[in-house]
Amino acid sequence: MRLSDFHYDLPQELIAQHPLPERACSRLLVLDGPGRALQDRTFSEFPGLLRAGDLLVFNDTRVIPARLYGHKRSGGRVEVLVERVLDEHRVLAQLRASRAPTAGSELLLEGAVCAQVRARQGPFFELGFAAPRPVLDILTAHGHVPLPPYIERADEAGDQERYQTVYARRPGAVAAPTAGLHFDAYLLDVLRNAGIAMEFVTLHVGAGTFQPIRVEDISHHPMHPEYLEVDASVCAAVARCRERRGRVIAVGTTSVRALESVAAADGLRPYRGETTLFITPGYRFRVVDALITNFHLPRSTLLMLVCALGGYGSVMAAYGHAVTHGYRFYSYGDAMFITPGTEAGS
């Protein structure tokens, strides 16, 4: 398929700039069943769409305050967006400056923090921070919430809590796994009390998730690597779900990529490492049976993944419905619940 196949028109006013007052008050567009009829629901109704024996798989990554502002020692302004924490004193980052800094140059950042440019790796720069302060401590003290570029405002105090899932526990992401933003403590308790099984994987979302695809033939698009962990307990839970004929329901596209990245012919295998899995229409899902997800940008790898699961025609029609009916889009927007149609995998 071509990049242009995944275009849709979106009015600017439908891009959510702030979260709703309550997480579970978002709308939920349901694409389910063989007839692919759309249902307009609210997210608080989500537990009623589940069946006994289903397994929900969440991504427990935690967003770090990954954006820093400052200037080069030569005087030009610079913005740092951390892509990945490499160790206690090194990061891989995107830099925005009038002229790219060279290896060996220094950046003077907020909080009197000094970082040295060590090397360039493609679109990213390796930065070193002086000991003894660990880089995560520096980011926590001086960093800003890395809101996506389509949220056209500076980060605010409330974003520190709302651009984070309530179950986030593993620091390392520079973008939120946004499908999980709709779950609050009460809704999680409702699910537990209903006997719905829940497991957690970790995939640290990188800033590459917002990088545009620059080739018309999508098969030539290189995915940025992202770090993931899937423990043996998750593999065992998926096996038990299969035995009781339940569905594996991924909460977010990151959970999909984590599970499908570790799928083997004889089931899931525990794994810690990187993935560059790119899921497009025609992909045969080995693990995931259904998906909770937000609405994604046109021409994005995330929209392509959703089309792969829900069927290209059905998903694109659902997006048209969402636009017509005023759904809120992107990170702070509304959600979809999607099960495969006959198109998926074809």
C-alpha atoms as a PDB file:
ATOM      1  CA  MET A   1       0.000   0.000   0.000  1.00  0.00           C
ATOM      2  CA  ARG A   2       1.005   3.616  -0.503  1.00  0.00           C
ATOM      3  CA  LEU A   3       1.452   6.389   2.047  1.00  0.00           C
ATOM      4  CA  SER A   4      -1.318   8.405   0.396  1.00  0.00           C
ATOM      5  CA  ASP A   5      -3.783   5.572   1.115  1.00  0.00           C
ATOM      6  CA  PHE A   6      -3.664   6.565   4.789  1.00  0.00           C
ATOM      7  CA  HIS A   7      -4.562  10.224   4.399  1.00  0.00           C
ATOM      8  CA  TYR A   8      -7.707  11.748   5.885  1.00  0.00           C
ATOM      9  CA  ASP A   9      -8.764  15.351   6.436  1.00  0.00           C
ATOM     10  CA  LEU A  10      -9.068  16.539  10.022  1.00  0.00           C
ATOM     11  CA  PRO A  11     -10.339  19.958  11.111  1.00  0.00           C
ATOM     12  CA  GLN A  12      -7.859  21.625  13.422  1.00  0.00           C
ATOM     13  CA  GLU A  13     -10.510  22.165  16.094  1.00  0.00           C
ATOM     14  CA  LEU A  14     -10.864  18.389  16.618  1.00  0.00           C
ATOM     15  CA  ILE A  15      -7.278  18.042  17.854  1.00  0.00           C
ATOM     16  CA  ALA A  16      -7.607  17.900  21.647  1.00  0.00           C
ATOM     17  CA  GLN A  17      -5.374  20.479  23.314  1.00  0.00           C
ATOM     18  CA  HIS A  18      -6.276  19.548  26.902  1.00  0.00           C
ATOM     19  CA  PRO A  19      -7.559  16.404  28.604  1.00  0.00           C
ATOM     20  CA  LEU A  20     -11.156  16.147  29.777  1.00  0.00           C
ATOM     21  CA  PRO A  21     -11.787  16.704  33.509  1.00  0.00           C
ATOM     22  CA  GLU A  22     -12.249  12.950  34.091  1.00  0.00           C
ATOM     23  CA  ARG A  23     -10.260  10.239  32.316  1.00  0.00           C
ATOM     24  CA  ALA A  24     -13.116   7.790  31.709  1.00  0.00           C
ATOM     25  CA  CYS A  25     -15.487  10.481  30.382  1.00  0.00           C
ATOM     26  CA  SER A  26     -13.965  10.252  26.910  1.00  0.00           C
ATOM     27  CA  ARG A  27     -16.044   8.958  24.049  1.00  0.00           C
ATOM     28  CA  LEU A  28     -15.486   5.443  22.734  1.00  0.00           C
ATOM     29  CA  LEU A  29     -16.110   4.493  19.117  1.00  0.00           C
ATOM     30  CA  VAL A  30     -16.661   0.727  18.843  1.00  0.00           C
ATOM     31  CA  LEU A  31     -15.799  -1.154  15.642  1.00  0.00           C
ATOM     32  CA  ASP A  32     -16.883  -4.694  16.426  1.00  0.00           C
ATOM     33  CA  GLY A  33     -18.649  -7.683  14.965  1.00  0.00           C
ATOM     34  CA  PRO A  34     -18.856  -9.196  11.474  1.00  0.00           C
ATOM     35  CA  GLY A  35     -21.144  -6.432  10.198  1.00  0.00           C
ATOM     36  CA  ARG A  36     -18.602  -3.777  11.275  1.00  0.00           C
ATOM     37  CA  ALA A  37     -21.414  -1.549  12.525  1.00  0.00           C
ATOM     38  CA  LEU A  38     -20.127   1.442  14.495  1.00  0.00           C
ATOM     39  CA  GLN A  39     -21.326   2.176  18.016  1.00  0.00           C
ATOM     40  CA  ASP A  40     -20.925   5.526  19.773  1.00  0.00           C
ATOM     41  CA  ARG A  41     -20.236   4.868  23.461  1.00  0.00           C
ATOM     42  CA  THR A  42     -18.440   6.434  26.409  1.00  0.00           C
ATOM     43  CA  PHE A  43     -15.244   4.971  27.799  1.00  0.00           C
ATOM     44  CA  SER A  44     -16.878   4.204  31.130  1.00  0.00           C
ATOM     45  CA  GLU A  45     -18.911   1.586  29.237  1.00  0.00           C
ATOM     46  CA  PHE A  46     -15.795  -0.301  28.171  1.00  0.00           C
ATOM     47  CA  PRO A  47     -16.051  -3.074  30.820  1.00  0.00           C
ATOM     48  CA  GLY A  48     -19.421  -4.078  29.329  1.00  0.00           C
ATOM     49  CA  LEU A  49     -17.701  -4.889  26.025  1.00  0.00           C
ATOM     50  CA  LEU A  50     -15.480  -7.538  27.629  1.00  0.00           C
ATOM     51  CA  ARG A  51     -16.161 -11.250  28.079  1.00  0.00           C
ATOM     52  CA  ALA A  52     -15.325 -13.691  30.827  1.00  0.00           C
ATOM     53  CA  GLY A  53     -11.861 -15.024  30.144  1.00  0.00           C
ATOM     54  CA  ASP A  54     -10.524 -11.930  28.366  1.00  0.00           C
ATOM     55  CA  LEU A  55      -7.031 -10.649  29.141  1.00  0.00           C
ATOM     56  CA  LEU A  56      -6.105  -6.950  29.042  1.00  0.00           C
ATOM     57  CA  VAL A  57      -2.436  -6.145  28.408  1.00  0.00           C
ATOM     58  CA  PHE A  58      -1.248  -2.656  29.409  1.00  0.00           C
ATOM     59  CA  ASN A  59       2.034  -0.821  28.822  1.00  0.00           C
ATOM     60  CA  ASP A  60       3.415   0.339  32.176  1.00  0.00           C
ATOM     61  CA  THR A  61       6.081   2.682  30.790  1.00  0.00           C
ATOM     62  CA  ARG A  62       6.383   6.036  32.529  1.00  0.00           C
ATOM     63  CA  VAL A  63       6.886   9.311  30.667  1.00  0.00           C
ATOM     64  CA  ILE A  64       9.999  11.193  31.718  1.00  0.00           C
ATOM     65  CA  PRO A  65      10.265  15.032  31.588  1.00  0.00           C
ATOM     66  CA  ALA A  66      12.295  14.679  28.428  1.00  0.00           C
ATOM     67  CA  ARG A  67      12.406  18.244  27.056  1.00  0.00           C
ATOM     68  CA  LEU A  68      15.139  20.667  28.118  1.00  0.00           C
ATOM     69  CA  TYR A  69      15.796  24.226  26.951  1.00  0.00           C
ATOM     70  CA  GLY A  70      19.037  26.145  26.875  1.00  0.00           C
ATOM     71  CA  HIS A  71      21.698  27.445  24.528  1.00  0.00           C
ATOM     72  CA  LYS A  72      24.978  26.469  22.963  1.00  0.00           C
ATOM     73  CA  ARG A  73      28.093  27.880  24.562  1.00  0.00           C
ATOM     74  CA  SER A  74      28.426  29.903  21.369  1.00  0.00           C
ATOM     75  CA  GLY A  75      25.093  31.554  22.203  1.00  0.00           C
ATOM     76  CA  GLY A  76      22.496  30.012  19.881  1.00  0.00           C
ATOM     77  CA  ARG A  77      19.332  28.657  21.461  1.00  0.00           C
ATOM     78  CA  VAL A  78      18.811  24.903  21.616  1.00  0.00           C
ATOM     79  CA  GLU A  79      15.971  22.546  22.543  1.00  0.00           C
ATOM     80  CA  VAL A  80      16.767  19.003  23.674  1.00  0.00           C
ATOM     81  CA  LEU A  81      14.235  16.177  23.386  1.00  0.00           C
ATOM     82  CA  VAL A  82      15.565  12.998  24.962  1.00  0.00           C
ATOM     83  CA  GLU A  83      14.862   9.908  22.865  1.00  0.00           C
ATOM     84  CA  ARG A  84      16.353   7.349  25.230  1.00  0.00           C
ATOM     85  CA  VAL A  85      18.305   7.247  28.484  1.00  0.00           C
ATOM     86  CA  LEU A  86      21.388   5.147  27.704  1.00  0.00           C
ATOM     87  CA  ASP A  87      22.795   4.990  31.231  1.00  0.00           C
ATOM     88  CA  GLU A  88      23.069   7.220  34.315  1.00  0.00           C
ATOM     89  CA  HIS A  89      25.014   9.917  32.458  1.00  0.00           C
ATOM     90  CA  ARG A  90      24.246   9.546  28.745  1.00  0.00           C
ATOM     91  CA  VAL A  91      21.162  10.058  26.586  1.00  0.00           C
ATOM     92  CA  LEU A  92      20.235   9.867  22.925  1.00  0.00           C
ATOM     93  CA  ALA A  93      18.357  13.026  21.956  1.00  0.00           C
ATOM     94  CA  GLN A  94      16.935  15.137  19.186  1.00  0.00           C
ATOM     95  CA  LEU A  95      18.334  18.673  19.092  1.00  0.00           C
ATOM     96  CA  ARG A  96      16.589  21.691  17.653  1.00  0.00           C
ATOM     97  CA  ALA A  97      18.967  24.559  16.929  1.00  0.00           C
ATOM     98  CA  SER A  98      19.674  27.027  14.142  1.00  0.00           C
ATOM     99  CA  ARG A  99      22.844  25.060  13.377  1.00  0.00           C
ATOM    100  CA  ALA A 100      23.544  21.493  14.516  1.00  0.00           C
ATOM    101  CA  PRO A 101      26.212  21.406  17.232  1.00  0.00           C
ATOM    102  CA  THR A 102      29.399  19.472  16.555  1.00  0.00           C
ATOM    103  CA  ALA A 103      30.925  16.658  18.594  1.00  0.00           C
ATOM    104  CA  GLY A 104      32.755  18.034  21.620  1.00  0.00           C
ATOM    105  CA  SER A 105      30.648  21.181  21.921  1.00  0.00           C
ATOM    106  CA  GLU A 106      28.788  22.035  25.119  1.00  0.00           C
ATOM    107  CA  LEU A 107      25.148  22.871  25.771  1.00  0.00           C
ATOM    108  CA  LEU A 108      24.178  25.051  28.732  1.00  0.00           C
ATOM    109  CA  LEU A 109      20.717  23.990  29.839  1.00  0.00           C
ATOM    110  CA  GLU A 110      18.161  25.042  32.466  1.00  0.00           C
ATOM    111  CA  GLY A 111      19.236  24.624  36.068  1.00  0.00           C
ATOM    112  CA  ALA A 112      22.882  25.375  35.233  1.00  0.00           C
ATOM    113  CA  VAL A 113      23.139  21.927  33.659  1.00  0.00           C
ATOM    114  CA  CYS A 114      25.954  21.341  31.211  1.00  0.00           C
ATOM    115  CA  ALA A 115      25.772  18.615  28.567  1.00  0.00           C
ATOM    116  CA  GLN A 116      28.472  17.659  26.082  1.00  0.00           C
ATOM    117  CA  VAL A 117      27.710  16.548  22.532  1.00  0.00           C
ATOM    118  CA  ARG A 118      29.634  13.278  22.180  1.00  0.00           C
ATOM    119  CA  ALA A 119      28.561  11.953  18.792  1.00  0.00           C
ATOM    120  CA  ARG A 120      25.853  11.997  16.170  1.00  0.00           C
ATOM    121  CA  GLN A 121      23.813   8.886  15.347  1.00  0.00           C
ATOM    122  CA  GLY A 122      21.656   9.606  12.310  1.00  0.00           C
ATOM    123  CA  PRO A 123      18.945  12.083  13.393  1.00  0.00           C
ATOM    124  CA  PHE A 124      19.966  11.791  17.062  1.00  0.00           C
ATOM    125  CA  PHE A 125      22.821  13.093  19.200  1.00  0.00           C
ATOM    126  CA  GLU A 126      24.528  11.325  22.071  1.00  0.00           C
ATOM    127  CA  LEU A 127      24.815  13.721  25.009  1.00  0.00           C
ATOM    128  CA  GLY A 128      26.879  13.232  28.158  1.00  0.00           C
ATOM    129  CA  PHE A 129      26.014  14.779  31.528  1.00  0.00           C
ATOM    130  CA  ALA A 130      28.646  15.261  34.194  1.00  0.00           C
ATOM    131  CA  ALA A 131      28.646  13.063  37.298  1.00  0.00           C
ATOM    132  CA  PRO A 132      27.556  12.727  40.060  1.00  0.00           C
ATOM    133  CA  ARG A 133      23.890  13.552  39.289  1.00  0.00           C
ATOM    134  CA  PRO A 134      22.087  10.794  37.364  1.00  0.00           C
ATOM    135  CA  VAL A 135      20.438  12.074  34.217  1.00  0.00           C
ATOM    136  CA  LEU A 136      16.967  11.008  35.380  1.00  0.00           C
ATOM    137  CA  ASP A 137      17.406  13.242  38.445  1.00  0.00           C
ATOM    138  CA  ILE A 138      18.389  16.134  36.158  1.00  0.00           C
ATOM    139  CA  LEU A 139      15.319  15.591  33.964  1.00  0.00           C
ATOM    140  CA  THR A 140      13.011  15.325  36.976  1.00  0.00           C
ATOM    141  CA  ALA A 141      14.354  18.598  38.392  1.00  0.00           C
ATOM    142  CA  HIS A 142      14.568  20.667  35.200  1.00  0.00           C
ATOM    143  CA  GLY A 143      12.789  18.870  32.351  1.00  0.00           C
ATOM    144  CA  HIS A 144       9.417  19.619  30.794  1.00  0.00           C
ATOM    145  CA  VAL A 145       6.611  17.221  29.891  1.00  0.00           C
ATOM    146  CA  PRO A 146       7.268  16.343  26.223  1.00  0.00           C
ATOM    147  CA  LEU A 147       3.839  17.119  24.813  1.00  0.00           C
ATOM    148  CA  PRO A 148       3.433  16.079  21.156  1.00  0.00           C
ATOM    149  CA  PRO A 149       3.942  18.722  18.455  1.00  0.00           C
ATOM    150  CA  TYR A 150       0.224  18.897  17.605  1.00  0.00           C
ATOM    151  CA  ILE A 151      -0.560  20.175  21.118  1.00  0.00           C
ATOM    152  CA  GLU A 152       0.116  23.817  20.411  1.00  0.00           C
ATOM    153  CA  ARG A 153       0.803  25.131  23.894  1.00  0.00           C
ATOM    154  CA  ALA A 154       3.500  24.929  26.517  1.00  0.00           C
ATOM    155  CA  ASP A 155       3.296  22.153  29.080  1.00  0.00           C
ATOM    156  CA  GLU A 156       1.396  23.008  32.258  1.00  0.00           C
ATOM    157  CA  ALA A 157       1.461  21.673  35.814  1.00  0.00           C
ATOM    158  CA  GLY A 158      -1.568  19.459  35.150  1.00  0.00           C
ATOM    159  CA  ASP A 159       0.202  17.658  32.309  1.00  0.00           C
ATOM    160  CA  GLN A 160       2.613  16.082  34.775  1.00  0.00           C
ATOM    161  CA  GLU A 161      -0.266  13.912  36.014  1.00  0.00           C
ATOM    162  CA  ARG A 162      -2.595  13.710  33.010  1.00  0.00           C
ATOM    163  CA  TYR A 163       0.030  12.894  30.360  1.00  0.00           C
ATOM    164  CA  GLN A 164       0.752   9.756  32.374  1.00  0.00           C
ATOM    165  CA  THR A 165      -1.230   6.573  32.930  1.00  0.00           C
ATOM    166  CA  VAL A 166      -2.342   5.868  36.491  1.00  0.00           C
ATOM    167  CA  TYR A 167      -0.376   2.583  36.409  1.00  0.00           C
ATOM    168  CA  ALA A 168       2.886   4.002  34.979  1.00  0.00           C
ATOM    169  CA  ARG A 169       5.889   2.648  36.876  1.00  0.00           C
ATOM    170  CA  ARG A 170       8.879   2.130  34.547  1.00  0.00           C
ATOM    171  CA  PRO A 171      10.523   5.475  33.609  1.00  0.00           C
ATOM    172  CA  GLY A 172      11.812   5.728  30.061  1.00  0.00           C
ATOM    173  CA  ALA A 173       9.139   6.901  27.597  1.00  0.00           C
ATOM    174  CA  VAL A 174       9.157  10.304  25.923  1.00  0.00           C
ATOM    175  CA  ALA A 175       5.559   9.941  24.723  1.00  0.00           C
ATOM    176  CA  ALA A 176       2.618   8.486  26.616  1.00  0.00           C
ATOM    177  CA  PRO A 177       0.939   5.215  25.638  1.00  0.00           C
ATOM    178  CA  THR A 178      -2.182   7.284  25.180  1.00  0.00           C
ATOM    179  CA  ALA A 179      -4.840   4.553  25.084  1.00  0.00           C
ATOM    180  CA  GLY A 180      -4.083   3.977  28.755  1.00  0.00           C
ATOM    181  CA  LEU A 181      -4.842   7.601  29.670  1.00  0.00           C
ATOM    182  CA  HIS A 182      -8.577   6.754  29.719  1.00  0.00           C
ATOM    183  CA  PHE A 183      -8.284   4.316  32.635  1.00  0.00           C
ATOM    184  CA  ASP A 184      -8.679   5.647  36.178  1.00  0.00           C
ATOM    185  CA  ALA A 185      -8.362   3.770  39.467  1.00  0.00           C
ATOM    186  CA  TYR A 186     -12.121   3.243  39.706  1.00  0.00           C
ATOM    187  CA  LEU A 187     -12.379   1.708  36.228  1.00  0.00           C
ATOM    188  CA  LEU A 188      -9.450  -0.605  36.944  1.00  0.00           C
ATOM    189  CA  ASP A 189     -11.214  -1.749  40.128  1.00  0.00           C
ATOM    190  CA  VAL A 190     -14.394  -2.417  38.144  1.00  0.00           C
ATOM    191  CA  LEU A 191     -12.399  -4.607  35.767  1.00  0.00           C
ATOM    192  CA  ARG A 192     -10.699  -6.502  38.596  1.00  0.00           C
ATOM    193  CA  ASN A 193     -13.990  -7.080  40.395  1.00  0.00           C
ATOM    194  CA  ALA A 194     -15.470  -8.406  37.137  1.00  0.00           C
ATOM    195  CA  GLY A 195     -12.713 -11.017  36.998  1.00  0.00           C
ATOM    196  CA  ILE A 196     -10.957  -9.562  33.951  1.00  0.00           C
ATOM    197  CA  ALA A 197      -7.307 -10.632  33.891  1.00  0.00           C
ATOM    198  CA  MET A 198      -4.695  -7.903  33.520  1.00  0.00           C
ATOM    199  CA  GLU A 199      -0.974  -8.019  32.709  1.00  0.00           C
ATOM    200  CA  PHE A 200       1.695  -5.408  32.005  1.00  0.00           C
ATOM    201  CA  VAL A 201       4.435  -5.165  29.406  1.00  0.00           C
ATOM    202  CA  THR A 202       6.937  -2.322  29.033  1.00  0.00           C
ATOM    203  CA  LEU A 203       7.688  -0.504  25.798  1.00  0.00           C
ATOM    204  CA  HIS A 204       9.440   2.830  26.144  1.00  0.00           C
ATOM    205  CA  VAL A 205       7.856   5.018  23.483  1.00  0.00           C
ATOM    206  CA  GLY A 206      10.436   7.097  21.623  1.00  0.00           C
ATOM    207  CA  ALA A 207      10.145  10.465  19.940  1.00  0.00           C
ATOM    208  CA  GLY A 208      10.407   8.589  16.651  1.00  0.00           C
ATOM    209  CA  THR A 209       6.708   7.815  17.005  1.00  0.00           C
ATOM    210  CA  PHE A 210       6.058  11.381  15.750  1.00  0.00           C
ATOM    211  CA  GLN A 211       8.542  11.218  12.876  1.00  0.00           C
ATOM    212  CA  PRO A 212       6.750  11.530   9.526  1.00  0.00           C
ATOM    213  CA  ILE A 213       7.023   8.794   6.916  1.00  0.00           C
ATOM    214  CA  ARG A 214       9.020  10.272   4.037  1.00  0.00           C
ATOM    215  CA  VAL A 215       8.539   7.558   1.392  1.00  0.00           C
ATOM    216  CA  GLU A 216       5.422   6.839  -0.658  1.00  0.00           C
ATOM    217  CA  ASP A 217       6.148   3.099  -0.673  1.00  0.00           C
ATOM    218  CA  ILE A 218       5.601   2.324   3.018  1.00  0.00           C
ATOM    219  CA  SER A 219       7.592  -0.910   2.791  1.00  0.00           C
ATOM    220  CA  HIS A 220      10.727   1.260   2.605  1.00  0.00           C
ATOM    221  CA  HIS A 221      10.056   3.121   5.866  1.00  0.00           C
ATOM    222  CA  PRO A 222      12.642   2.397   8.610  1.00  0.00           C
ATOM    223  CA  MET A 223      11.204   2.173  12.125  1.00  0.00           C
ATOM    224  CA  HIS A 224      13.176   3.677  14.999  1.00  0.00           C
ATOM    225  CA  PRO A 225      14.105   0.996  17.558  1.00  0.00           C
ATOM    226  CA  GLU A 226      12.274   1.089  20.888  1.00  0.00           C
ATOM    227  CA  TYR A 227      13.138  -0.831  24.045  1.00  0.00           C
ATOM    228  CA  LEU A 228      10.656  -3.381  25.376  1.00  0.00           C
ATOM    229  CA  GLU A 229      10.315  -5.990  28.109  1.00  0.00           C
ATOM    230  CA  VAL A 230       7.875  -8.894  28.173  1.00  0.00           C
ATOM    231  CA  ASP A 231       8.188 -11.098  31.246  1.00  0.00           C
ATOM    232  CA  ALA A 232       7.484 -14.810  31.596  1.00  0.00           C
ATOM    233  CA  SER A 233       4.372 -13.986  33.649  1.00  0.00           C
ATOM    234  CA  VAL A 234       2.835 -12.262  30.605  1.00  0.00           C
ATOM    235  CA  CYS A 235       3.639 -15.223  28.373  1.00  0.00           C
ATOM    236  CA  ALA A 236       1.985 -17.578  30.871  1.00  0.00           C
ATOM    237  CA  ALA A 237      -1.086 -15.327  31.165  1.00  0.00           C
ATOM    238  CA  VAL A 238      -1.538 -15.311  27.375  1.00  0.00           C
ATOM    239  CA  ALA A 239      -1.278 -19.119  27.323  1.00  0.00           C
ATOM    240  CA  ARG A 240      -3.945 -19.392  30.041  1.00  0.00           C
ATOM    241  CA  CYS A 241      -6.154 -16.960  28.118  1.00  0.00           C
ATOM    242  CA  ARG A 242      -5.897 -19.186  25.046  1.00  0.00           C
ATOM    243  CA  GLU A 243      -6.785 -22.268  27.105  1.00  0.00           C
ATOM    244  CA  ARG A 244     -10.000 -20.662  28.378  1.00  0.00           C
ATOM    245  CA  ARG A 245     -10.805 -19.281  24.899  1.00  0.00           C
ATOM    246  CA  GLY A 246     -10.575 -15.673  25.998  1.00  0.00           C
ATOM    247  CA  ARG A 247      -9.347 -12.741  23.920  1.00  0.00           C
ATOM    248  CA  VAL A 248      -6.010 -10.984  24.296  1.00  0.00           C
ATOM    249  CA  ILE A 249      -6.910  -7.285  24.233  1.00  0.00           C
ATOM    250  CA  ALA A 250      -4.037  -4.843  23.868  1.00  0.00           C
ATOM    251  CA  VAL A 251      -4.380  -1.448  25.515  1.00  0.00           C
ATOM    252  CA  GLY A 252      -2.642   0.713  22.946  1.00  0.00           C
ATOM    253  CA  THR A 253      -0.571   0.156  19.842  1.00  0.00           C
ATOM    254  CA  THR A 254       2.582  -0.087  21.971  1.00  0.00           C
ATOM    255  CA  SER A 255       1.174  -3.136  23.749  1.00  0.00           C
ATOM    256  CA  VAL A 256       0.371  -4.631  20.322  1.00  0.00           C
ATOM    257  CA  ARG A 257       3.937  -4.140  19.129  1.00  0.00           C
ATOM    258  CA  ALA A 258       5.382  -5.545  22.352  1.00  0.00           C
ATOM    259  CA  LEU A 259       3.283  -8.711  22.209  1.00  0.00           C
ATOM    260  CA  GLU A 260       3.663  -9.310  18.492  1.00  0.00           C
ATOM    261  CA  SER A 261       7.422  -8.669  18.680  1.00  0.00           C
ATOM    262  CA  VAL A 262       7.914 -11.639  21.022  1.00  0.00           C
ATOM    263  CA  ALA A 263       5.490 -14.044  19.332  1.00  0.00           C
ATOM    264  CA  ALA A 264       6.988 -17.367  18.254  1.00  0.00           C
ATOM    265  CA  ALA A 265       5.518 -20.406  16.548  1.00  0.00           C
ATOM    266  CA  ASP A 266       5.065 -22.149  19.902  1.00  0.00           C
ATOM    267  CA  GLY A 267       3.761 -19.100  21.804  1.00  0.00           C
ATOM    268  CA  LEU A 268       5.269 -16.039  23.452  1.00  0.00           C
ATOM    269  CA  ARG A 269       8.792 -15.961  24.786  1.00  0.00           C
ATOM    270  CA  PRO A 270      10.157 -13.598  27.457  1.00  0.00           C
ATOM    271  CA  TYR A 271      12.291 -10.868  25.966  1.00  0.00           C
ATOM    272  CA  ARG A 272      14.247  -7.754  26.863  1.00  0.00           C
ATOM    273  CA  GLY A 273      15.653  -5.726  24.023  1.00  0.00           C
ATOM    274  CA  GLU A 274      14.724  -3.603  21.034  1.00  0.00           C
ATOM    275  CA  THR A 275      11.987  -3.880  18.447  1.00  0.00           C
ATOM    276  CA  THR A 276      11.602  -2.300  15.031  1.00  0.00           C
ATOM    277  CA  LEU A 277       8.399  -4.185  14.168  1.00  0.00           C
ATOM    278  CA  PHE A 278       6.336  -2.279  11.576  1.00  0.00           C
ATOM    279  CA  ILE A 279       2.762  -3.583  11.315  1.00  0.00           C
ATOM    280  CA  THR A 280       0.866  -2.731   8.137  1.00  0.00           C
ATOM    281  CA  PRO A 281      -2.250  -4.132   6.429  1.00  0.00           C
ATOM    282  CA  GLY A 282      -1.696  -7.755   5.471  1.00  0.00           C
ATOM    283  CA  TYR A 283       0.114  -8.549   8.738  1.00  0.00           C
ATOM    284  CA  ARG A 284      -1.027 -11.801  10.402  1.00  0.00           C
ATOM    285  CA  PHE A 285      -1.538 -11.252  14.114  1.00  0.00           C
ATOM    286  CA  ARG A 286      -0.262 -14.074  16.312  1.00  0.00           C
ATOM    287  CA  VAL A 287      -1.261 -12.777  19.733  1.00  0.00           C
ATOM    288  CA  VAL A 288      -3.591  -9.777  19.751  1.00  0.00           C
ATOM    289  CA  ASP A 289      -7.345 -10.314  19.236  1.00  0.00           C
ATOM    290  CA  ALA A 290      -8.657  -6.807  19.927  1.00  0.00           C
ATOM    291  CA  LEU A 291      -7.383  -3.304  20.632  1.00  0.00           C
ATOM    292  CA  ILE A 292      -8.154  -0.179  22.631  1.00  0.00           C
ATOM    293  CA  THR A 293      -6.507   2.801  20.966  1.00  0.00           C
ATOM    294  CA  ASN A 294      -6.773   6.548  20.413  1.00  0.00           C
ATOM    295  CA  PHE A 295      -7.219   8.209  17.017  1.00  0.00           C
ATOM    296  CA  HIS A 296      -3.926   8.626  15.179  1.00  0.00           C
ATOM    297  CA  LEU A 297      -2.361  11.066  12.745  1.00  0.00           C
ATOM    298  CA  PRO A 298      -2.918  10.694   9.000  1.00  0.00           C
ATOM    299  CA  ARG A 299      -0.118   8.840   7.206  1.00  0.00           C
ATOM    300  CA  SER A 300       1.296   7.523  10.478  1.00  0.00           C
ATOM    301  CA  THR A 301       2.679   4.096  11.348  1.00  0.00           C
ATOM    302  CA  LEU A 302       0.114   3.909  14.155  1.00  0.00           C
ATOM    303  CA  LEU A 303      -2.827   4.365  11.790  1.00  0.00           C
ATOM    304  CA  MET A 304      -1.348   1.643   9.585  1.00  0.00           C
ATOM    305  CA  LEU A 305      -1.201  -0.751  12.548  1.00  0.00           C
ATOM    306  CA  VAL A 306      -4.835  -0.035  13.407  1.00  0.00           C
ATOM    307  CA  CYS A 307      -5.853  -0.661   9.785  1.00  0.00           C
ATOM    308  CA  ALA A 308      -3.966  -3.951   9.864  1.00  0.00           C
ATOM    309  CA  LEU A 309      -6.076  -5.171  12.793  1.00  0.00           C
ATOM    310  CA  GLY A 310      -9.461  -3.661  12.035  1.00  0.00           C
ATOM    311  CA  GLY A 311      -9.363  -3.790   8.237  1.00  0.00           C
ATOM    312  CA  TYR A 312      -8.315  -0.877   6.045  1.00  0.00           C
ATOM    313  CA  GLY A 313     -11.755   0.044   4.682  1.00  0.00           C
ATOM    314  CA  SER A 314     -13.525  -0.343   8.023  1.00  0.00           C
ATOM    315  CA  VAL A 315     -10.999   1.727   9.960  1.00  0.00           C
ATOM    316  CA  MET A 316     -10.842   4.544   7.415  1.00  0.00           C
ATOM    317  CA  ALA A 317     -14.658   4.646   7.362  1.00  0.00           C
ATOM    318  CA  ALA A 318     -14.643   4.785  11.172  1.00  0.00           C
ATOM    319  CA  TYR A 319     -12.262   7.750  11.062  1.00  0.00           C
ATOM    320  CA  GLY A 320     -14.631   9.510   8.686  1.00  0.00           C
ATOM    321  CA  HIS A 321     -17.470   8.833  11.138  1.00  0.00           C
ATOM    322  CA  ALA A 322     -15.367  10.195  14.018  1.00  0.00           C
ATOM    323  CA  VAL A 323     -14.624  13.404  12.135  1.00  0.00           C
ATOM    324  CA  THR A 324     -18.269  13.897  11.152  1.00  0.00           C
ATOM    325  CA  HIS A 325     -19.477  13.284  14.718  1.00  0.00           C
ATOM    326  CA  GLY A 326     -16.934  15.561  16.372  1.00  0.00           C
ATOM    327  CA  TYR A 327     -14.738  13.067  18.202  1.00  0.00           C
ATOM    328  CA  ARG A 328     -11.609  14.491  19.850  1.00  0.00           C
ATOM    329  CA  PHE A 329      -8.369  13.342  18.220  1.00  0.00           C
ATOM    330  CA  TYR A 330      -4.853  12.318  19.247  1.00  0.00           C
ATOM    331  CA  SER A 331      -3.164  12.051  22.642  1.00  0.00           C
ATOM    332  CA  TYR A 332      -5.746  13.825  24.802  1.00  0.00           C
ATOM    333  CA  GLY A 333      -8.623  12.753  22.577  1.00  0.00           C
ATOM    334  CA  ASP A 334     -11.193   9.955  22.479  1.00  0.00           C
ATOM    335  CA  ALA A 335     -10.713   6.223  21.944  1.00  0.00           C
ATOM    336  CA  MET A 336     -11.687   3.275  19.768  1.00  0.00           C
ATOM    337  CA  PHE A 337     -12.322  -0.381  20.616  1.00  0.00           C
ATOM    338  CA  ILE A 338     -11.498  -2.500  17.574  1.00  0.00           C
ATOM    339  CA  THR A 339     -11.890  -6.205  16.799  1.00  0.00           C
ATOM    340  CA  PRO A 340     -10.711  -7.777  13.531  1.00  0.00           C
ATOM    341  CA  GLY A 341     -12.996  -7.852  10.527  1.00  0.00           C
ATOM    342  CA  THR A 342     -12.836 -10.128   7.517  1.00  0.00           C
ATOM    343  CA  GLU A 343     -10.521  -7.600   5.811  1.00  0.00           C
ATOM    344  CA  ALA A 344      -7.836  -7.880   8.493  1.00  0.00           C
ATOM    345  CA  GLY A 345      -4.893  -9.971   7.400  1.00  0.00           C
ATOM    346  CA  SER A 346      -6.137 -10.102   3.818  1.00  0.00           C
END
